[in-house]
Amino acid sequence: MEVLVIDIGGTSVKLWHTAHEEHRKFESGKQLTPDAMVKETTQLLQDWRWDAVALGLPCRISNGRPIEDPHNLGPGWVGYNFASALGCPVRIMNDAALQALGSYDGGRMLFLGLGTAVGSTFIADHLILSLDLGRVVHGKSKVHELLGDEGFESLGLKKWQNVVHEVLPSLKSAFLADYVVLGGGSVKKIDDLPDGVRRGHNRTVVEGGRRLWEELPDPAEKDSTAWIII
């Protein structure tokens, strides 16, 4: 099965494919509606072919469907028929969860995606649990205000890296995680990582999309006991 992976963030939409090394992208933001996303995607990928789509959205997903519009995007995502618009089967996951799935190497893993905001997911023993650790308070600010793009701009590189070294060990301990994976565009700004933390890569979302289709049950199938996706 050839899978198109659409990874939608607050500033860009990245298009990946399980049969291609390259990826393509276009701008995201408050103007991006589902119709606009589908139009840009199909126009940009006229020379690609795929059997199914794995779609990562920066919002809450329940039973494989968005239950709220993403904060950093335009309206219309809830109830949108992606399969009809894209002309093939579509499975949907939270964007951080999709990258976390591709990064997972067993055991108890905590994933944090540092970018426009802070995405977070915990995976252990066939459980995929989407989190919102950006709302956790550190000092007088929330984690997403410190470790997201705005936090980097206000703190500067050194102070921002210091916050990373303060926050990550505490979160790792709180979740009894065996390891932490840091993904997102900002991970390249970190020189040294705390113990038990490793870098992810944006391309792991491709493996996440493959696993979502080839190894995991349909998220909408509530009677499946192989994996639990929350």
C-alpha atoms as a PDB file:
ATOM      1  CA  MET A   1       0.000   0.000   0.000  1.00  0.00           C
ATOM      2  CA  GLU A   2       1.283   3.447  -0.942  1.00  0.00           C
ATOM      3  CA  VAL A   3       0.263   6.064   1.603  1.00  0.00           C
ATOM      4  CA  LEU A   4       0.182   9.836   1.240  1.00  0.00           C
ATOM      5  CA  VAL A   5       0.898  11.491   4.593  1.00  0.00           C
ATOM      6  CA  ILE A   6      -0.477  14.999   5.064  1.00  0.00           C
ATOM      7  CA  ASP A   7       1.083  16.639   8.126  1.00  0.00           C
ATOM      8  CA  ILE A   8      -0.728  19.895   8.883  1.00  0.00           C
ATOM      9  CA  GLY A   9       0.943  22.371  11.215  1.00  0.00           C
ATOM     10  CA  GLY A  10       0.277  25.950  12.187  1.00  0.00           C
ATOM     11  CA  THR A  11       2.662  27.433   9.617  1.00  0.00           C
ATOM     12  CA  SER A  12       2.972  24.798   6.878  1.00  0.00           C
ATOM     13  CA  VAL A  13       1.441  21.657   5.424  1.00  0.00           C
ATOM     14  CA  LYS A  14       4.043  18.976   4.672  1.00  0.00           C
ATOM     15  CA  LEU A  15       3.236  16.285   2.118  1.00  0.00           C
ATOM     16  CA  TRP A  16       5.062  12.965   2.416  1.00  0.00           C
ATOM     17  CA  HIS A  17       4.748   9.642   0.608  1.00  0.00           C
ATOM     18  CA  THR A  18       5.801   6.161   1.625  1.00  0.00           C
ATOM     19  CA  ALA A  19       7.324   5.591  -1.838  1.00  0.00           C
ATOM     20  CA  HIS A  20       9.155   8.915  -2.227  1.00  0.00           C
ATOM     21  CA  GLU A  21      12.165  10.309  -0.395  1.00  0.00           C
ATOM     22  CA  GLU A  22      11.307  13.923  -1.144  1.00  0.00           C
ATOM     23  CA  HIS A  23       8.522  15.894   0.465  1.00  0.00           C
ATOM     24  CA  ARG A  24       6.621  18.956  -0.618  1.00  0.00           C
ATOM     25  CA  LYS A  25       4.904  21.673   1.355  1.00  0.00           C
ATOM     26  CA  PHE A  26       2.797  24.797   1.228  1.00  0.00           C
ATOM     27  CA  GLU A  27       1.824  27.504   3.696  1.00  0.00           C
ATOM     28  CA  SER A  28      -0.731  26.891   6.417  1.00  0.00           C
ATOM     29  CA  GLY A  29      -2.318  29.373   8.824  1.00  0.00           C
ATOM     30  CA  LYS A  30      -5.636  30.980   9.715  1.00  0.00           C
ATOM     31  CA  GLN A  31      -6.725  31.087   6.081  1.00  0.00           C
ATOM     32  CA  LEU A  32      -6.401  27.331   5.551  1.00  0.00           C
ATOM     33  CA  THR A  33      -9.763  25.563   5.281  1.00  0.00           C
ATOM     34  CA  PRO A  34     -10.225  21.869   4.398  1.00  0.00           C
ATOM     35  CA  ASP A  35     -11.260  22.787   0.852  1.00  0.00           C
ATOM     36  CA  ALA A  36      -8.162  24.958   0.443  1.00  0.00           C
ATOM     37  CA  MET A  37      -5.960  22.168   1.810  1.00  0.00           C
ATOM     38  CA  VAL A  38      -7.389  19.609  -0.610  1.00  0.00           C
ATOM     39  CA  LYS A  39      -7.043  22.007  -3.559  1.00  0.00           C
ATOM     40  CA  GLU A  40      -3.403  22.864  -2.761  1.00  0.00           C
ATOM     41  CA  THR A  41      -2.537  19.207  -2.152  1.00  0.00           C
ATOM     42  CA  THR A  42      -4.035  17.862  -5.377  1.00  0.00           C
ATOM     43  CA  GLN A  43      -2.506  20.648  -7.461  1.00  0.00           C
ATOM     44  CA  LEU A  44       0.937  20.153  -5.951  1.00  0.00           C
ATOM     45  CA  LEU A  45       0.914  16.360  -6.277  1.00  0.00           C
ATOM     46  CA  GLN A  46      -0.421  15.785  -9.777  1.00  0.00           C
ATOM     47  CA  ASP A  47       2.532  13.477 -10.518  1.00  0.00           C
ATOM     48  CA  TRP A  48       2.100  11.353  -7.356  1.00  0.00           C
ATOM     49  CA  ARG A  49      -0.225   8.375  -6.894  1.00  0.00           C
ATOM     50  CA  TRP A  50      -1.393   6.804  -3.639  1.00  0.00           C
ATOM     51  CA  ASP A  51      -3.853   4.229  -2.292  1.00  0.00           C
ATOM     52  CA  ALA A  52      -4.744   5.881   1.013  1.00  0.00           C
ATOM     53  CA  VAL A  53      -4.125   9.018   3.072  1.00  0.00           C
ATOM     54  CA  ALA A  54      -2.896   9.429   6.646  1.00  0.00           C
ATOM     55  CA  LEU A  55      -3.877  12.898   7.816  1.00  0.00           C
ATOM     56  CA  GLY A  56      -2.313  14.557  10.859  1.00  0.00           C
ATOM     57  CA  LEU A  57      -4.359  17.445  12.303  1.00  0.00           C
ATOM     58  CA  PRO A  58      -3.313  19.759  15.170  1.00  0.00           C
ATOM     59  CA  CYS A  59      -6.497  19.277  17.206  1.00  0.00           C
ATOM     60  CA  ARG A  60      -8.426  16.728  19.265  1.00  0.00           C
ATOM     61  CA  ILE A  61      -9.306  13.553  17.378  1.00  0.00           C
ATOM     62  CA  SER A  62     -11.911  11.046  18.588  1.00  0.00           C
ATOM     63  CA  ASN A  63     -12.703   7.772  16.811  1.00  0.00           C
ATOM     64  CA  GLY A  64     -10.621   8.907  13.868  1.00  0.00           C
ATOM     65  CA  ARG A  65     -12.458  12.214  13.393  1.00  0.00           C
ATOM     66  CA  PRO A  66     -11.697  15.813  14.459  1.00  0.00           C
ATOM     67  CA  ILE A  67     -14.062  17.033  17.162  1.00  0.00           C
ATOM     68  CA  GLU A  68     -12.883  20.649  17.076  1.00  0.00           C
ATOM     69  CA  ASP A  69     -11.392  23.010  14.524  1.00  0.00           C
ATOM     70  CA  PRO A  70      -7.614  23.406  14.873  1.00  0.00           C
ATOM     71  CA  HIS A  71      -6.780  26.610  16.723  1.00  0.00           C
ATOM     72  CA  ASN A  72      -4.220  27.825  14.169  1.00  0.00           C
ATOM     73  CA  LEU A  73      -6.244  27.020  11.037  1.00  0.00           C
ATOM     74  CA  GLY A  74      -9.403  28.192   9.314  1.00  0.00           C
ATOM     75  CA  PRO A  75     -12.873  26.724  10.045  1.00  0.00           C
ATOM     76  CA  GLY A  76     -14.712  23.705   8.674  1.00  0.00           C
ATOM     77  CA  TRP A  77     -12.638  20.694   9.734  1.00  0.00           C
ATOM     78  CA  VAL A  78     -15.276  19.035  11.921  1.00  0.00           C
ATOM     79  CA  GLY A  79     -17.571  16.860   9.842  1.00  0.00           C
ATOM     80  CA  TYR A  80     -15.626  17.377   6.623  1.00  0.00           C
ATOM     81  CA  ASN A  81     -15.665  14.375   4.269  1.00  0.00           C
ATOM     82  CA  PHE A  82     -11.948  13.991   3.576  1.00  0.00           C
ATOM     83  CA  ALA A  83     -12.330  10.637   1.822  1.00  0.00           C
ATOM     84  CA  SER A  84     -14.776  12.080  -0.690  1.00  0.00           C
ATOM     85  CA  ALA A  85     -12.704  15.217  -1.266  1.00  0.00           C
ATOM     86  CA  LEU A  86      -9.432  13.301  -1.735  1.00  0.00           C
ATOM     87  CA  GLY A  87     -10.972  10.402  -3.608  1.00  0.00           C
ATOM     88  CA  CYS A  88      -9.553   7.620  -1.439  1.00  0.00           C
ATOM     89  CA  PRO A  89      -9.735   6.171   2.103  1.00  0.00           C
ATOM     90  CA  VAL A  90      -8.447   8.564   4.799  1.00  0.00           C
ATOM     91  CA  ARG A  91      -7.428   7.893   8.391  1.00  0.00           C
ATOM     92  CA  ILE A  92      -6.953  10.825  10.735  1.00  0.00           C
ATOM     93  CA  MET A  93      -4.772  11.244  13.808  1.00  0.00           C
ATOM     94  CA  ASN A  94      -3.596  14.130  15.927  1.00  0.00           C
ATOM     95  CA  ASP A  95      -0.449  15.435  14.217  1.00  0.00           C
ATOM     96  CA  ALA A  96       1.789  14.872  17.247  1.00  0.00           C
ATOM     97  CA  ALA A  97       0.371  11.374  17.723  1.00  0.00           C
ATOM     98  CA  LEU A  98       1.093  10.513  14.091  1.00  0.00           C
ATOM     99  CA  GLN A  99       4.736  11.539  14.409  1.00  0.00           C
ATOM    100  CA  ALA A 100       4.963   9.810  17.792  1.00  0.00           C
ATOM    101  CA  LEU A 101       3.657   6.582  16.255  1.00  0.00           C
ATOM    102  CA  GLY A 102       6.422   6.730  13.663  1.00  0.00           C
ATOM    103  CA  SER A 103       9.039   7.365  16.372  1.00  0.00           C
ATOM    104  CA  TYR A 104       7.949   4.583  18.720  1.00  0.00           C
ATOM    105  CA  ASP A 105      10.518   1.868  19.516  1.00  0.00           C
ATOM    106  CA  GLY A 106       8.656   0.003  22.255  1.00  0.00           C
ATOM    107  CA  GLY A 107       8.359   0.500  26.001  1.00  0.00           C
ATOM    108  CA  ARG A 108       6.936   3.694  27.481  1.00  0.00           C
ATOM    109  CA  MET A 109       7.582   6.681  25.237  1.00  0.00           C
ATOM    110  CA  LEU A 110       6.719  10.345  25.728  1.00  0.00           C
ATOM    111  CA  PHE A 111       6.766  12.444  22.564  1.00  0.00           C
ATOM    112  CA  LEU A 112       6.929  16.229  22.400  1.00  0.00           C
ATOM    113  CA  GLY A 113       6.721  18.190  19.166  1.00  0.00           C
ATOM    114  CA  LEU A 114       8.235  21.653  19.418  1.00  0.00           C
ATOM    115  CA  GLY A 115       7.003  24.054  16.764  1.00  0.00           C
ATOM    116  CA  THR A 116       4.289  26.695  16.501  1.00  0.00           C
ATOM    117  CA  ALA A 117       2.852  25.123  19.653  1.00  0.00           C
ATOM    118  CA  VAL A 118       3.829  22.067  21.724  1.00  0.00           C
ATOM    119  CA  GLY A 119       2.281  18.764  20.680  1.00  0.00           C
ATOM    120  CA  SER A 120       2.478  15.772  22.995  1.00  0.00           C
ATOM    121  CA  THR A 121       1.641  12.059  22.992  1.00  0.00           C
ATOM    122  CA  PHE A 122       2.306   9.074  25.246  1.00  0.00           C
ATOM    123  CA  ILE A 123       2.598   5.538  23.837  1.00  0.00           C
ATOM    124  CA  ALA A 124       2.886   2.346  25.893  1.00  0.00           C
ATOM    125  CA  ASP A 125       1.664  -1.241  25.604  1.00  0.00           C
ATOM    126  CA  HIS A 126      -0.606  -0.686  22.561  1.00  0.00           C
ATOM    127  CA  LEU A 127      -1.988   2.559  23.959  1.00  0.00           C
ATOM    128  CA  ILE A 128      -1.681   5.817  22.020  1.00  0.00           C
ATOM    129  CA  LEU A 129      -2.726   8.694  24.252  1.00  0.00           C
ATOM    130  CA  SER A 130      -2.876  12.241  22.901  1.00  0.00           C
ATOM    131  CA  LEU A 131      -1.954  14.844  25.507  1.00  0.00           C
ATOM    132  CA  ASP A 132      -1.954  18.612  25.895  1.00  0.00           C
ATOM    133  CA  LEU A 133       1.172  19.116  27.992  1.00  0.00           C
ATOM    134  CA  GLY A 134       1.538  22.603  26.574  1.00  0.00           C
ATOM    135  CA  ARG A 135      -1.010  23.688  29.184  1.00  0.00           C
ATOM    136  CA  VAL A 136       1.180  22.524  32.085  1.00  0.00           C
ATOM    137  CA  VAL A 137       2.423  25.503  34.098  1.00  0.00           C
ATOM    138  CA  HIS A 138       6.168  25.965  34.541  1.00  0.00           C
ATOM    139  CA  GLY A 139       7.043  28.926  36.743  1.00  0.00           C
ATOM    140  CA  LYS A 140       4.516  31.613  35.838  1.00  0.00           C
ATOM    141  CA  SER A 141       3.941  30.499  32.256  1.00  0.00           C
ATOM    142  CA  LYS A 142       2.476  27.543  30.412  1.00  0.00           C
ATOM    143  CA  VAL A 143       4.826  25.169  28.631  1.00  0.00           C
ATOM    144  CA  HIS A 144       3.515  26.099  25.178  1.00  0.00           C
ATOM    145  CA  GLU A 145       4.213  29.769  25.937  1.00  0.00           C
ATOM    146  CA  LEU A 146       7.817  28.870  26.759  1.00  0.00           C
ATOM    147  CA  LEU A 147       8.741  26.117  24.314  1.00  0.00           C
ATOM    148  CA  GLY A 148       6.658  27.097  21.275  1.00  0.00           C
ATOM    149  CA  ASP A 149       7.869  29.499  18.600  1.00  0.00           C
ATOM    150  CA  GLU A 150       6.704  32.561  20.518  1.00  0.00           C
ATOM    151  CA  GLY A 151       8.591  31.405  23.591  1.00  0.00           C
ATOM    152  CA  PHE A 152      11.764  30.990  21.584  1.00  0.00           C
ATOM    153  CA  GLU A 153      11.428  34.496  20.175  1.00  0.00           C
ATOM    154  CA  SER A 154      10.860  36.066  23.597  1.00  0.00           C
ATOM    155  CA  LEU A 155      13.409  34.045  25.594  1.00  0.00           C
ATOM    156  CA  GLY A 156      16.262  33.769  23.122  1.00  0.00           C
ATOM    157  CA  LEU A 157      18.247  30.630  22.385  1.00  0.00           C
ATOM    158  CA  LYS A 158      20.108  30.137  25.691  1.00  0.00           C
ATOM    159  CA  LYS A 159      17.149  30.695  28.028  1.00  0.00           C
ATOM    160  CA  TRP A 160      14.903  28.619  25.769  1.00  0.00           C
ATOM    161  CA  GLN A 161      17.372  25.714  25.875  1.00  0.00           C
ATOM    162  CA  ASN A 162      17.526  26.041  29.665  1.00  0.00           C
ATOM    163  CA  VAL A 163      13.741  25.641  29.873  1.00  0.00           C
ATOM    164  CA  VAL A 164      13.982  22.505  27.719  1.00  0.00           C
ATOM    165  CA  HIS A 165      16.485  21.043  30.202  1.00  0.00           C
ATOM    166  CA  GLU A 166      14.243  21.988  33.136  1.00  0.00           C
ATOM    167  CA  VAL A 167      10.934  20.728  31.760  1.00  0.00           C
ATOM    168  CA  LEU A 168      11.812  17.482  29.974  1.00  0.00           C
ATOM    169  CA  PRO A 169      13.294  15.496  32.896  1.00  0.00           C
ATOM    170  CA  SER A 170      10.258  16.359  35.032  1.00  0.00           C
ATOM    171  CA  LEU A 171       7.809  15.215  32.360  1.00  0.00           C
ATOM    172  CA  LYS A 172       9.819  12.029  31.734  1.00  0.00           C
ATOM    173  CA  SER A 173       9.673  11.200  35.445  1.00  0.00           C
ATOM    174  CA  ALA A 174       5.976  12.059  35.746  1.00  0.00           C
ATOM    175  CA  PHE A 175       5.039   9.614  32.980  1.00  0.00           C
ATOM    176  CA  LEU A 176       7.537   6.955  34.064  1.00  0.00           C
ATOM    177  CA  ALA A 177       8.724   7.072  30.485  1.00  0.00           C
ATOM    178  CA  ASP A 178      11.630   4.934  29.326  1.00  0.00           C
ATOM    179  CA  TYR A 179      12.605   7.656  26.868  1.00  0.00           C
ATOM    180  CA  VAL A 180      11.461  10.950  25.403  1.00  0.00           C
ATOM    181  CA  VAL A 181      11.466  11.800  21.714  1.00  0.00           C
ATOM    182  CA  LEU A 182      11.630  15.445  20.672  1.00  0.00           C
ATOM    183  CA  GLY A 183      10.200  16.261  17.260  1.00  0.00           C
ATOM    184  CA  GLY A 184       9.055  19.379  15.465  1.00  0.00           C
ATOM    185  CA  GLY A 185      10.940  22.094  13.651  1.00  0.00           C
ATOM    186  CA  SER A 186      12.544  23.580  16.769  1.00  0.00           C
ATOM    187  CA  VAL A 187      14.412  20.457  17.856  1.00  0.00           C
ATOM    188  CA  LYS A 188      17.351  21.440  15.637  1.00  0.00           C
ATOM    189  CA  LYS A 189      17.865  24.511  17.855  1.00  0.00           C
ATOM    190  CA  ILE A 190      18.899  22.339  20.822  1.00  0.00           C
ATOM    191  CA  ASP A 191      22.621  21.615  21.120  1.00  0.00           C
ATOM    192  CA  ASP A 192      22.613  19.040  23.930  1.00  0.00           C
ATOM    193  CA  LEU A 193      19.692  16.945  25.119  1.00  0.00           C
ATOM    194  CA  PRO A 194      18.915  15.769  28.667  1.00  0.00           C
ATOM    195  CA  ASP A 195      19.563  12.135  29.537  1.00  0.00           C
ATOM    196  CA  GLY A 196      16.942   9.795  28.158  1.00  0.00           C
ATOM    197  CA  VAL A 197      15.896  12.225  25.431  1.00  0.00           C
ATOM    198  CA  ARG A 198      16.572  11.755  21.727  1.00  0.00           C
ATOM    199  CA  ARG A 199      15.842  13.755  18.616  1.00  0.00           C
ATOM    200  CA  GLY A 200      13.044  12.818  16.303  1.00  0.00           C
ATOM    201  CA  HIS A 201      12.840  13.717  12.635  1.00  0.00           C
ATOM    202  CA  ASN A 202       9.972  15.119  10.616  1.00  0.00           C
ATOM    203  CA  ARG A 203      10.190  12.126   8.293  1.00  0.00           C
ATOM    204  CA  THR A 204       9.135   9.755  11.086  1.00  0.00           C
ATOM    205  CA  VAL A 205       5.608  10.944  10.308  1.00  0.00           C
ATOM    206  CA  VAL A 206       5.879   8.820   7.138  1.00  0.00           C
ATOM    207  CA  GLU A 207       6.449   5.705   9.230  1.00  0.00           C
ATOM    208  CA  GLY A 208       3.555   6.827  11.417  1.00  0.00           C
ATOM    209  CA  GLY A 209       1.306   7.007   8.376  1.00  0.00           C
ATOM    210  CA  ARG A 210       2.414   3.579   7.203  1.00  0.00           C
ATOM    211  CA  ARG A 211       1.797   2.056  10.634  1.00  0.00           C
ATOM    212  CA  LEU A 212      -1.579   3.757  10.906  1.00  0.00           C
ATOM    213  CA  TRP A 213      -2.698   1.939   7.757  1.00  0.00           C
ATOM    214  CA  GLU A 214      -0.741  -1.314   7.842  1.00  0.00           C
ATOM    215  CA  GLU A 215      -0.356  -2.144  11.543  1.00  0.00           C
ATOM    216  CA  LEU A 216      -3.181  -0.412  13.430  1.00  0.00           C
ATOM    217  CA  PRO A 217      -6.926  -1.034  13.311  1.00  0.00           C
ATOM    218  CA  ASP A 218      -9.325   1.557  11.978  1.00  0.00           C
ATOM    219  CA  PRO A 219      -9.549   4.194  14.775  1.00  0.00           C
ATOM    220  CA  ALA A 220     -13.343   4.239  14.309  1.00  0.00           C
ATOM    221  CA  GLU A 221     -13.632   0.531  15.161  1.00  0.00           C
ATOM    222  CA  LYS A 222     -14.429   0.582  18.881  1.00  0.00           C
ATOM    223  CA  ASP A 223     -14.424  -3.205  19.293  1.00  0.00           C
ATOM    224  CA  SER A 224     -10.747  -3.619  18.381  1.00  0.00           C
ATOM    225  CA  THR A 225      -8.478  -4.680  21.254  1.00  0.00           C
ATOM    226  CA  ALA A 226      -5.157  -4.648  19.403  1.00  0.00           C
ATOM    227  CA  TRP A 227      -4.525  -0.938  19.968  1.00  0.00           C
ATOM    228  CA  ILE A 228      -6.334   1.760  21.916  1.00  0.00           C
ATOM    229  CA  ILE A 229      -6.126   5.235  20.362  1.00  0.00           C
ATOM    230  CA  ILE A 230      -7.334   8.086  22.550  1.00  0.00           C
END
